[in-house]
Full PDB file with SEQRES, HELIX, SHEET, SSBOND, CRYST1, ORIGX, SCALE, CONECT and MASTER records, all heavy atoms in Angstrom:
SEQRES   1 A   34  THR SER GLY GLY SER ALA SER THR SER THR ASP LEU ARG          
SEQRES   2 A   34  SER GLY MET SER ALA GLN GLY GLN SER ASN PRO ALA TYR          
SEQRES   3 A   34  GLN GLN ALA TYR THR ASP CYS MET                              
HELIX    1 AA1 SER A    9  LEU A   12  1                                   4    
HELIX    2 AA2 ALA A   18  GLY A   20  5                                   3    
HELIX    3 AA3 PRO A   24  CYS A   33  1                                  10    
CRYST1    1.000    1.000    1.000  90.00  90.00  90.00 P 1           1          
ORIGX1      1.000000  0.000000  0.000000        0.00000                         
ORIGX2      0.000000  1.000000  0.000000        0.00000                         
ORIGX3      0.000000  0.000000  1.000000        0.00000                         
SCALE1      1.000000  0.000000  0.000000        0.00000                         
SCALE2      0.000000  1.000000  0.000000        0.00000                         
SCALE3      0.000000  0.000000  1.000000        0.00000                         
ATOM      1  N   THR A   1     -22.461 154.079 242.864  1.00  0.00           N  
ATOM      2  CA  THR A   1     -22.277 152.931 241.989  1.00  0.00           C  
ATOM      3  C   THR A   1     -22.136 151.663 242.808  1.00  0.00           C  
ATOM      4  O   THR A   1     -21.631 151.694 243.913  1.00  0.00           O  
ATOM      5  CB  THR A   1     -21.021 153.100 241.116  1.00  0.00           C  
ATOM      6  OG1 THR A   1     -19.893 153.175 241.981  1.00  0.00           O  
ATOM      7  CG2 THR A   1     -21.110 154.327 240.252  1.00  0.00           C  
ATOM      8  N   SER A   2     -22.593 150.577 242.257  1.00  0.00           N  
ATOM      9  CA  SER A   2     -22.435 149.291 242.920  1.00  0.00           C  
ATOM     10  C   SER A   2     -21.446 148.426 242.165  1.00  0.00           C  
ATOM     11  O   SER A   2     -21.478 147.221 242.258  1.00  0.00           O  
ATOM     12  CB  SER A   2     -23.782 148.589 243.047  1.00  0.00           C  
ATOM     13  OG  SER A   2     -24.324 148.381 241.766  1.00  0.00           O  
ATOM     14  N   GLY A   3     -20.575 149.056 241.400  1.00  0.00           N  
ATOM     15  CA  GLY A   3     -19.622 148.323 240.588  1.00  0.00           C  
ATOM     16  C   GLY A   3     -18.431 147.821 241.351  1.00  0.00           C  
ATOM     17  O   GLY A   3     -17.533 147.233 240.787  1.00  0.00           O  
ATOM     18  N   GLY A   4     -18.365 148.066 242.657  1.00  0.00           N  
ATOM     19  CA  GLY A   4     -17.286 147.546 243.456  1.00  0.00           C  
ATOM     20  C   GLY A   4     -16.089 148.467 243.543  1.00  0.00           C  
ATOM     21  O   GLY A   4     -15.066 148.093 244.076  1.00  0.00           O  
ATOM     22  N   SER A   5     -16.198 149.700 243.043  1.00  0.00           N  
ATOM     23  CA  SER A   5     -15.074 150.621 243.133  1.00  0.00           C  
ATOM     24  C   SER A   5     -14.986 151.184 244.539  1.00  0.00           C  
ATOM     25  O   SER A   5     -15.962 151.238 245.269  1.00  0.00           O  
ATOM     26  CB  SER A   5     -15.230 151.751 242.116  1.00  0.00           C  
ATOM     27  OG  SER A   5     -16.388 152.495 242.393  1.00  0.00           O  
ATOM     28  N   ALA A   6     -13.801 151.628 244.904  1.00  0.00           N  
ATOM     29  CA  ALA A   6     -13.586 152.177 246.232  1.00  0.00           C  
ATOM     30  C   ALA A   6     -14.332 153.490 246.379  1.00  0.00           C  
ATOM     31  O   ALA A   6     -14.558 154.213 245.420  1.00  0.00           O  
ATOM     32  CB  ALA A   6     -12.093 152.399 246.461  1.00  0.00           C  
ATOM     33  N   SER A   7     -14.712 153.803 247.592  1.00  0.00           N  
ATOM     34  CA  SER A   7     -15.421 155.036 247.869  1.00  0.00           C  
ATOM     35  C   SER A   7     -14.506 156.230 247.635  1.00  0.00           C  
ATOM     36  O   SER A   7     -13.354 156.231 248.030  1.00  0.00           O  
ATOM     37  CB  SER A   7     -15.903 155.021 249.323  1.00  0.00           C  
ATOM     38  OG  SER A   7     -16.635 156.169 249.600  1.00  0.00           O  
ATOM     39  N   THR A   8     -15.028 157.252 246.974  1.00  0.00           N  
ATOM     40  CA  THR A   8     -14.256 158.455 246.713  1.00  0.00           C  
ATOM     41  C   THR A   8     -14.978 159.651 247.288  1.00  0.00           C  
ATOM     42  O   THR A   8     -16.106 159.550 247.736  1.00  0.00           O  
ATOM     43  CB  THR A   8     -14.066 158.672 245.199  1.00  0.00           C  
ATOM     44  OG1 THR A   8     -15.366 158.884 244.619  1.00  0.00           O  
ATOM     45  CG2 THR A   8     -13.387 157.493 244.536  1.00  0.00           C  
ATOM     46  N   SER A   9     -14.336 160.824 247.247  1.00  0.00           N  
ATOM     47  CA  SER A   9     -14.969 162.026 247.772  1.00  0.00           C  
ATOM     48  C   SER A   9     -16.235 162.352 246.983  1.00  0.00           C  
ATOM     49  O   SER A   9     -17.160 162.932 247.523  1.00  0.00           O  
ATOM     50  CB  SER A   9     -13.995 163.195 247.751  1.00  0.00           C  
ATOM     51  OG  SER A   9     -13.601 163.470 246.427  1.00  0.00           O  
ATOM     52  N   THR A  10     -16.303 161.994 245.715  1.00  0.00           N  
ATOM     53  CA  THR A  10     -17.511 162.218 244.935  1.00  0.00           C  
ATOM     54  C   THR A  10     -18.658 161.398 245.511  1.00  0.00           C  
ATOM     55  O   THR A  10     -19.767 161.884 245.642  1.00  0.00           O  
ATOM     56  CB  THR A  10     -17.288 161.844 243.456  1.00  0.00           C  
ATOM     57  OG1 THR A  10     -16.188 162.606 242.967  1.00  0.00           O  
ATOM     58  CG2 THR A  10     -18.508 162.130 242.628  1.00  0.00           C  
ATOM     59  N   ASP A  11     -18.393 160.153 245.892  1.00  0.00           N  
ATOM     60  CA  ASP A  11     -19.422 159.313 246.495  1.00  0.00           C  
ATOM     61  C   ASP A  11     -19.893 159.889 247.822  1.00  0.00           C  
ATOM     62  O   ASP A  11     -21.058 159.790 248.158  1.00  0.00           O  
ATOM     63  CB  ASP A  11     -18.893 157.909 246.720  1.00  0.00           C  
ATOM     64  CG  ASP A  11     -18.556 157.181 245.437  1.00  0.00           C  
ATOM     65  OD1 ASP A  11     -19.154 157.489 244.399  1.00  0.00           O  
ATOM     66  OD2 ASP A  11     -17.688 156.298 245.490  1.00  0.00           O  
ATOM     67  N   LEU A  12     -18.982 160.487 248.584  1.00  0.00           N  
ATOM     68  CA  LEU A  12     -19.342 161.052 249.879  1.00  0.00           C  
ATOM     69  C   LEU A  12     -20.207 162.295 249.733  1.00  0.00           C  
ATOM     70  O   LEU A  12     -20.831 162.721 250.687  1.00  0.00           O  
ATOM     71  CB  LEU A  12     -18.089 161.402 250.689  1.00  0.00           C  
ATOM     72  CG  LEU A  12     -17.280 160.217 251.181  1.00  0.00           C  
ATOM     73  CD1 LEU A  12     -16.017 160.696 251.887  1.00  0.00           C  
ATOM     74  CD2 LEU A  12     -18.101 159.357 252.117  1.00  0.00           C  
ATOM     75  N   ARG A  13     -20.257 162.867 248.554  1.00  0.00           N  
ATOM     76  CA  ARG A  13     -21.080 164.060 248.333  1.00  0.00           C  
ATOM     77  C   ARG A  13     -22.495 163.697 247.892  1.00  0.00           C  
ATOM     78  O   ARG A  13     -23.307 164.592 247.651  1.00  0.00           O  
ATOM     79  CB  ARG A  13     -20.417 164.971 247.307  1.00  0.00           C  
ATOM     80  CG  ARG A  13     -19.138 165.568 247.851  1.00  0.00           C  
ATOM     81  CD  ARG A  13     -18.503 166.490 246.868  1.00  0.00           C  
ATOM     82  NE  ARG A  13     -17.214 166.934 247.405  1.00  0.00           N  
ATOM     83  CZ  ARG A  13     -16.295 167.514 246.699  1.00  0.00           C  
ATOM     84  NH1 ARG A  13     -16.480 167.738 245.424  1.00  0.00           N  
ATOM     85  NH2 ARG A  13     -15.163 167.880 247.246  1.00  0.00           N  
ATOM     86  N   SER A  14     -22.781 162.434 247.801  1.00  0.00           N  
ATOM     87  CA  SER A  14     -24.118 162.003 247.463  1.00  0.00           C  
ATOM     88  C   SER A  14     -25.086 162.515 248.521  1.00  0.00           C  
ATOM     89  O   SER A  14     -24.846 162.383 249.708  1.00  0.00           O  
ATOM     90  CB  SER A  14     -24.158 160.473 247.411  1.00  0.00           C  
ATOM     91  OG  SER A  14     -25.454 160.025 247.154  1.00  0.00           O  
ATOM     92  N   GLY A  15     -26.174 163.144 248.085  1.00  0.00           N  
ATOM     93  CA  GLY A  15     -27.158 163.687 249.012  1.00  0.00           C  
ATOM     94  C   GLY A  15     -26.877 165.105 249.445  1.00  0.00           C  
ATOM     95  O   GLY A  15     -27.650 165.690 250.195  1.00  0.00           O  
ATOM     96  N   MET A  16     -25.783 165.689 248.970  1.00  0.00           N  
ATOM     97  CA  MET A  16     -25.441 167.066 249.346  1.00  0.00           C  
ATOM     98  C   MET A  16     -26.448 168.040 248.743  1.00  0.00           C  
ATOM     99  O   MET A  16     -26.863 167.887 247.603  1.00  0.00           O  
ATOM    100  CB  MET A  16     -24.031 167.429 248.867  1.00  0.00           C  
ATOM    101  CG  MET A  16     -23.602 168.824 249.273  1.00  0.00           C  
ATOM    102  SD  MET A  16     -22.026 169.329 248.564  1.00  0.00           S  
ATOM    103  CE  MET A  16     -20.923 168.155 249.325  1.00  0.00           C  
ATOM    104  N   SER A  17     -26.813 169.027 249.522  1.00  0.00           N  
ATOM    105  CA  SER A  17     -27.719 170.057 249.056  1.00  0.00           C  
ATOM    106  C   SER A  17     -27.136 170.760 247.838  1.00  0.00           C  
ATOM    107  O   SER A  17     -25.934 171.030 247.770  1.00  0.00           O  
ATOM    108  CB  SER A  17     -27.936 171.080 250.175  1.00  0.00           C  
ATOM    109  OG  SER A  17     -28.597 172.218 249.676  1.00  0.00           O  
ATOM    110  N   ALA A  18     -27.976 171.079 246.865  1.00  0.00           N  
ATOM    111  CA  ALA A  18     -27.525 171.775 245.658  1.00  0.00           C  
ATOM    112  C   ALA A  18     -26.923 173.132 246.006  1.00  0.00           C  
ATOM    113  O   ALA A  18     -26.019 173.600 245.330  1.00  0.00           O  
ATOM    114  CB  ALA A  18     -28.694 171.937 244.692  1.00  0.00           C  
ATOM    115  N   GLN A  19     -27.391 173.746 247.085  1.00  0.00           N  
ATOM    116  CA  GLN A  19     -26.872 175.053 247.488  1.00  0.00           C  
ATOM    117  C   GLN A  19     -25.435 174.972 247.985  1.00  0.00           C  
ATOM    118  O   GLN A  19     -24.726 175.967 247.960  1.00  0.00           O  
ATOM    119  CB  GLN A  19     -27.758 175.660 248.577  1.00  0.00           C  
ATOM    120  CG  GLN A  19     -29.147 175.991 248.070  1.00  0.00           C  
ATOM    121  CD  GLN A  19     -30.056 176.460 249.178  1.00  0.00           C  
ATOM    122  OE1 GLN A  19     -29.911 176.043 250.321  1.00  0.00           O  
ATOM    123  NE2 GLN A  19     -31.004 177.309 248.841  1.00  0.00           N  
ATOM    124  N   GLY A  20     -24.986 173.812 248.408  1.00  0.00           N  
ATOM    125  CA  GLY A  20     -23.627 173.665 248.903  1.00  0.00           C  
ATOM    126  C   GLY A  20     -22.637 173.177 247.857  1.00  0.00           C  
ATOM    127  O   GLY A  20     -21.442 173.149 248.099  1.00  0.00           O  
ATOM    128  N   GLN A  21     -23.129 172.819 246.679  1.00  0.00           N  
ATOM    129  CA  GLN A  21     -22.281 172.231 245.641  1.00  0.00           C  
ATOM    130  C   GLN A  21     -21.134 173.141 245.196  1.00  0.00           C  
ATOM    131  O   GLN A  21     -20.087 172.667 244.813  1.00  0.00           O  
ATOM    132  CB  GLN A  21     -23.125 171.865 244.416  1.00  0.00           C  
ATOM    133  CG  GLN A  21     -24.173 170.817 244.682  1.00  0.00           C  
ATOM    134  CD  GLN A  21     -23.634 169.408 244.651  1.00  0.00           C  
ATOM    135  OE1 GLN A  21     -22.693 169.125 243.946  1.00  0.00           O  
ATOM    136  NE2 GLN A  21     -24.240 168.522 245.419  1.00  0.00           N  
ATOM    137  N   SER A  22     -21.330 174.447 245.248  1.00  0.00           N  
ATOM    138  CA  SER A  22     -20.297 175.373 244.767  1.00  0.00           C  
ATOM    139  C   SER A  22     -19.496 176.008 245.903  1.00  0.00           C  
ATOM    140  O   SER A  22     -18.708 176.910 245.659  1.00  0.00           O  
ATOM    141  CB  SER A  22     -20.949 176.482 243.920  1.00  0.00           C  
ATOM    142  OG  SER A  22     -21.849 177.224 244.713  1.00  0.00           O  
ATOM    143  N   ASN A  23     -19.683 175.544 247.124  1.00  0.00           N  
ATOM    144  CA  ASN A  23     -19.003 176.125 248.270  1.00  0.00           C  
ATOM    145  C   ASN A  23     -18.002 175.123 248.840  1.00  0.00           C  
ATOM    146  O   ASN A  23     -18.394 174.114 249.431  1.00  0.00           O  
ATOM    147  CB  ASN A  23     -20.041 176.508 249.328  1.00  0.00           C  
ATOM    148  CG  ASN A  23     -19.432 177.206 250.522  1.00  0.00           C  
ATOM    149  OD1 ASN A  23     -18.280 176.991 250.864  1.00  0.00           O  
ATOM    150  ND2 ASN A  23     -20.231 178.044 251.161  1.00  0.00           N  
ATOM    151  N   PRO A  24     -16.695 175.383 248.688  1.00  0.00           N  
ATOM    152  CA  PRO A  24     -15.685 174.431 249.174  1.00  0.00           C  
ATOM    153  C   PRO A  24     -15.764 174.162 250.676  1.00  0.00           C  
ATOM    154  O   PRO A  24     -15.566 173.025 251.110  1.00  0.00           O  
ATOM    155  CB  PRO A  24     -14.359 175.089 248.809  1.00  0.00           C  
ATOM    156  CG  PRO A  24     -14.688 176.042 247.708  1.00  0.00           C  
ATOM    157  CD  PRO A  24     -16.092 176.501 247.960  1.00  0.00           C  
ATOM    158  N   ALA A  25     -16.069 175.180 251.483  1.00  0.00           N  
ATOM    159  CA  ALA A  25     -16.179 174.971 252.935  1.00  0.00           C  
ATOM    160  C   ALA A  25     -17.355 174.055 253.252  1.00  0.00           C  
ATOM    161  O   ALA A  25     -17.264 173.180 254.113  1.00  0.00           O  
ATOM    162  CB  ALA A  25     -16.334 176.317 253.656  1.00  0.00           C  
ATOM    163  N   TYR A  26     -18.456 174.248 252.566  1.00  0.00           N  
ATOM    164  CA  TYR A  26     -19.644 173.411 252.743  1.00  0.00           C  
ATOM    165  C   TYR A  26     -19.315 171.967 252.340  1.00  0.00           C  
ATOM    166  O   TYR A  26     -19.638 171.023 253.057  1.00  0.00           O  
ATOM    167  CB  TYR A  26     -20.788 173.954 251.871  1.00  0.00           C  
ATOM    168  CG  TYR A  26     -22.132 173.316 252.124  1.00  0.00           C  
ATOM    169  CD1 TYR A  26     -23.116 173.990 252.831  1.00  0.00           C  
ATOM    170  CD2 TYR A  26     -22.436 172.039 251.635  1.00  0.00           C  
ATOM    171  CE1 TYR A  26     -24.363 173.420 253.044  1.00  0.00           C  
ATOM    172  CE2 TYR A  26     -23.667 171.463 251.854  1.00  0.00           C  
ATOM    173  CZ  TYR A  26     -24.633 172.155 252.555  1.00  0.00           C  
ATOM    174  OH  TYR A  26     -25.855 171.582 252.783  1.00  0.00           O  
ATOM    175  N   GLN A  27     -18.667 171.813 251.178  1.00  0.00           N  
ATOM    176  CA  GLN A  27     -18.320 170.479 250.694  1.00  0.00           C  
ATOM    177  C   GLN A  27     -17.416 169.748 251.680  1.00  0.00           C  
ATOM    178  O   GLN A  27     -17.620 168.569 251.957  1.00  0.00           O  
ATOM    179  CB  GLN A  27     -17.617 170.580 249.339  1.00  0.00           C  
ATOM    180  CG  GLN A  27     -18.519 171.066 248.233  1.00  0.00           C  
ATOM    181  CD  GLN A  27     -17.764 171.319 246.948  1.00  0.00           C  
ATOM    182  OE1 GLN A  27     -16.561 171.112 246.855  1.00  0.00           O  
ATOM    183  NE2 GLN A  27     -18.469 171.788 245.930  1.00  0.00           N  
ATOM    184  N   GLN A  28     -16.428 170.452 252.223  1.00  0.00           N  
ATOM    185  CA  GLN A  28     -15.503 169.827 253.172  1.00  0.00           C  
ATOM    186  C   GLN A  28     -16.231 169.411 254.445  1.00  0.00           C  
ATOM    187  O   GLN A  28     -16.048 168.301 254.947  1.00  0.00           O  
ATOM    188  CB  GLN A  28     -14.350 170.783 253.507  1.00  0.00           C  
ATOM    189  CG  GLN A  28     -13.298 170.157 254.397  1.00  0.00           C  
ATOM    190  CD  GLN A  28     -12.597 168.984 253.725  1.00  0.00           C  
ATOM    191  OE1 GLN A  28     -12.156 169.093 252.590  1.00  0.00           O  
ATOM    192  NE2 GLN A  28     -12.493 167.870 254.421  1.00  0.00           N  
ATOM    193  N   ALA A  29     -17.066 170.298 254.970  1.00  0.00           N  
ATOM    194  CA  ALA A  29     -17.815 169.982 256.188  1.00  0.00           C  
ATOM    195  C   ALA A  29     -18.762 168.802 255.957  1.00  0.00           C  
ATOM    196  O   ALA A  29     -18.910 167.933 256.818  1.00  0.00           O  
ATOM    197  CB  ALA A  29     -18.592 171.212 256.658  1.00  0.00           C  
ATOM    198  N   TYR A  30     -19.388 168.766 254.787  1.00  0.00           N  
ATOM    199  CA  TYR A  30     -20.321 167.686 254.469  1.00  0.00           C  
ATOM    200  C   TYR A  30     -19.591 166.346 254.371  1.00  0.00           C  
ATOM    201  O   TYR A  30     -20.022 165.351 254.961  1.00  0.00           O  
ATOM    202  CB  TYR A  30     -21.048 167.999 253.154  1.00  0.00           C  
ATOM    203  CG  TYR A  30     -22.095 166.979 252.790  1.00  0.00           C  
ATOM    204  CD1 TYR A  30     -23.393 167.089 253.272  1.00  0.00           C  
ATOM    205  CD2 TYR A  30     -21.794 165.893 251.969  1.00  0.00           C  
ATOM    206  CE1 TYR A  30     -24.363 166.152 252.949  1.00  0.00           C  
ATOM    207  CE2 TYR A  30     -22.747 164.959 251.648  1.00  0.00           C  
ATOM    208  CZ  TYR A  30     -24.033 165.087 252.127  1.00  0.00           C  
ATOM    209  OH  TYR A  30     -25.007 164.164 251.821  1.00  0.00           O  
ATOM    210  N   THR A  31     -18.476 166.314 253.637  1.00  0.00           N  
ATOM    211  CA  THR A  31     -17.751 165.046 253.489  1.00  0.00           C  
ATOM    212  C   THR A  31     -17.141 164.603 254.827  1.00  0.00           C  
ATOM    213  O   THR A  31     -17.123 163.406 255.123  1.00  0.00           O  
ATOM    214  CB  THR A  31     -16.652 165.117 252.407  1.00  0.00           C  
ATOM    215  OG1 THR A  31     -15.783 166.200 252.681  1.00  0.00           O  
ATOM    216  CG2 THR A  31     -17.260 165.297 251.026  1.00  0.00           C  
ATOM    217  N   ASP A  32     -16.694 165.553 255.650  1.00  0.00           N  
ATOM    218  CA  ASP A  32     -16.186 165.197 256.983  1.00  0.00           C  
ATOM    219  C   ASP A  32     -17.291 164.558 257.818  1.00  0.00           C  
ATOM    220  O   ASP A  32     -17.063 163.567 258.523  1.00  0.00           O  
ATOM    221  CB  ASP A  32     -15.631 166.427 257.707  1.00  0.00           C  
ATOM    222  CG  ASP A  32     -14.331 166.926 257.105  1.00  0.00           C  
ATOM    223  OD1 ASP A  32     -13.702 166.197 256.302  1.00  0.00           O  
ATOM    224  OD2 ASP A  32     -13.938 168.062 257.435  1.00  0.00           O  
ATOM    225  N   CYS A  33     -18.481 165.119 257.755  1.00  0.00           N  
ATOM    226  CA  CYS A  33     -19.623 164.577 258.495  1.00  0.00           C  
ATOM    227  C   CYS A  33     -19.956 163.168 258.009  1.00  0.00           C  
ATOM    228  O   CYS A  33     -20.158 162.252 258.825  1.00  0.00           O  
ATOM    229  CB  CYS A  33     -20.836 165.496 258.314  1.00  0.00           C  
ATOM    230  SG  CYS A  33     -22.361 164.888 259.079  1.00  0.00           S  
ATOM    231  N   MET A  34     -19.971 162.965 256.708  1.00  0.00           N  
ATOM    232  CA  MET A  34     -20.280 161.632 256.169  1.00  0.00           C  
ATOM    233  C   MET A  34     -19.212 160.615 256.579  1.00  0.00           C  
ATOM    234  O   MET A  34     -19.546 159.477 256.914  1.00  0.00           O  
ATOM    235  CB  MET A  34     -20.405 161.691 254.636  1.00  0.00           C  
ATOM    236  CG  MET A  34     -21.610 162.488 254.152  1.00  0.00           C  
ATOM    237  SD  MET A  34     -23.198 161.795 254.642  1.00  0.00           S  
ATOM    238  CE  MET A  34     -23.365 160.509 253.423  1.00  0.00           C  
TER     239      MET A  34                                                      
MASTER        0    0    0    3    0    0    0    6  238    1    0    3          
END                                                                             
């Protein structure tokens, strides 16, 4: 969003592979990388 809201963990998951969406370890590693 460009509405000026602060970045959240949902925003950090933008571009995440669909295969990793249901895996908490994958999600954590992805957001840490971003």
